[in-house]
Amino acid sequence: MLQELVISGTKSAYVLANANPKFIEYVKKYYYRLLQVPTFAELNDEILKFSFNYFGNDLENFQQKLKEKLQGKGDLTTSGHGNFDIIQRGLHKANGLQVLTEEFNIPLFMMCAFSDGENDFEMLSEVGEGVVVANASRAIKEIADHITDGNNNQGVLNYIDSVIKNG
């Protein structure tokens, strides 16, 4: 069944005011501008992303059907564990890195990116060093340049530490 929904725009992120209070507290960790609204119908914002969790027993089937329905309208990404985002077509993390390239004159091939989920696919494909943690999905590991320790073992910090120590 489809669980709580977060809609992200350029001004804020939004949840329904009648959403589960535990869900709202959890979401606040990830969205520093979060507004509770009575309905999504009258949002005055440019919508960038829909985020939700799906906890059904048919996760792969659900994901495939949703991708088919979205064809041409949006891109479905997942960070795993039933977490999904629907984003505008082509608006992914690699685009954000391209903005940094232009702002700071650092080419993508000189950048390093870290990942634990399939929502990082484009970003890892574009940078010079794509690093994934050991607990990442098989699909994202296949495109990684390096695999480091898992999230619970400070994989990102361990990788950065090894680069600093070993040059």
Foldseek 3Di string as FASTA:
>chain_A
DWAFKWWDFPVFIEGAPPHDPVVVVVCCVPTVGYDHHNDPPDDPGHTFKMKTFDDDPPLVVVVVVVCVVCVPPFDWFDLDPRIIMTGGPPPAVLVVVVVVCVVVVDAQQQDEDEGQERSCQVSQQRHNAYEYEPNHDPVSVVSGPYYFHHPVVVGVVVVVVCVVVVD
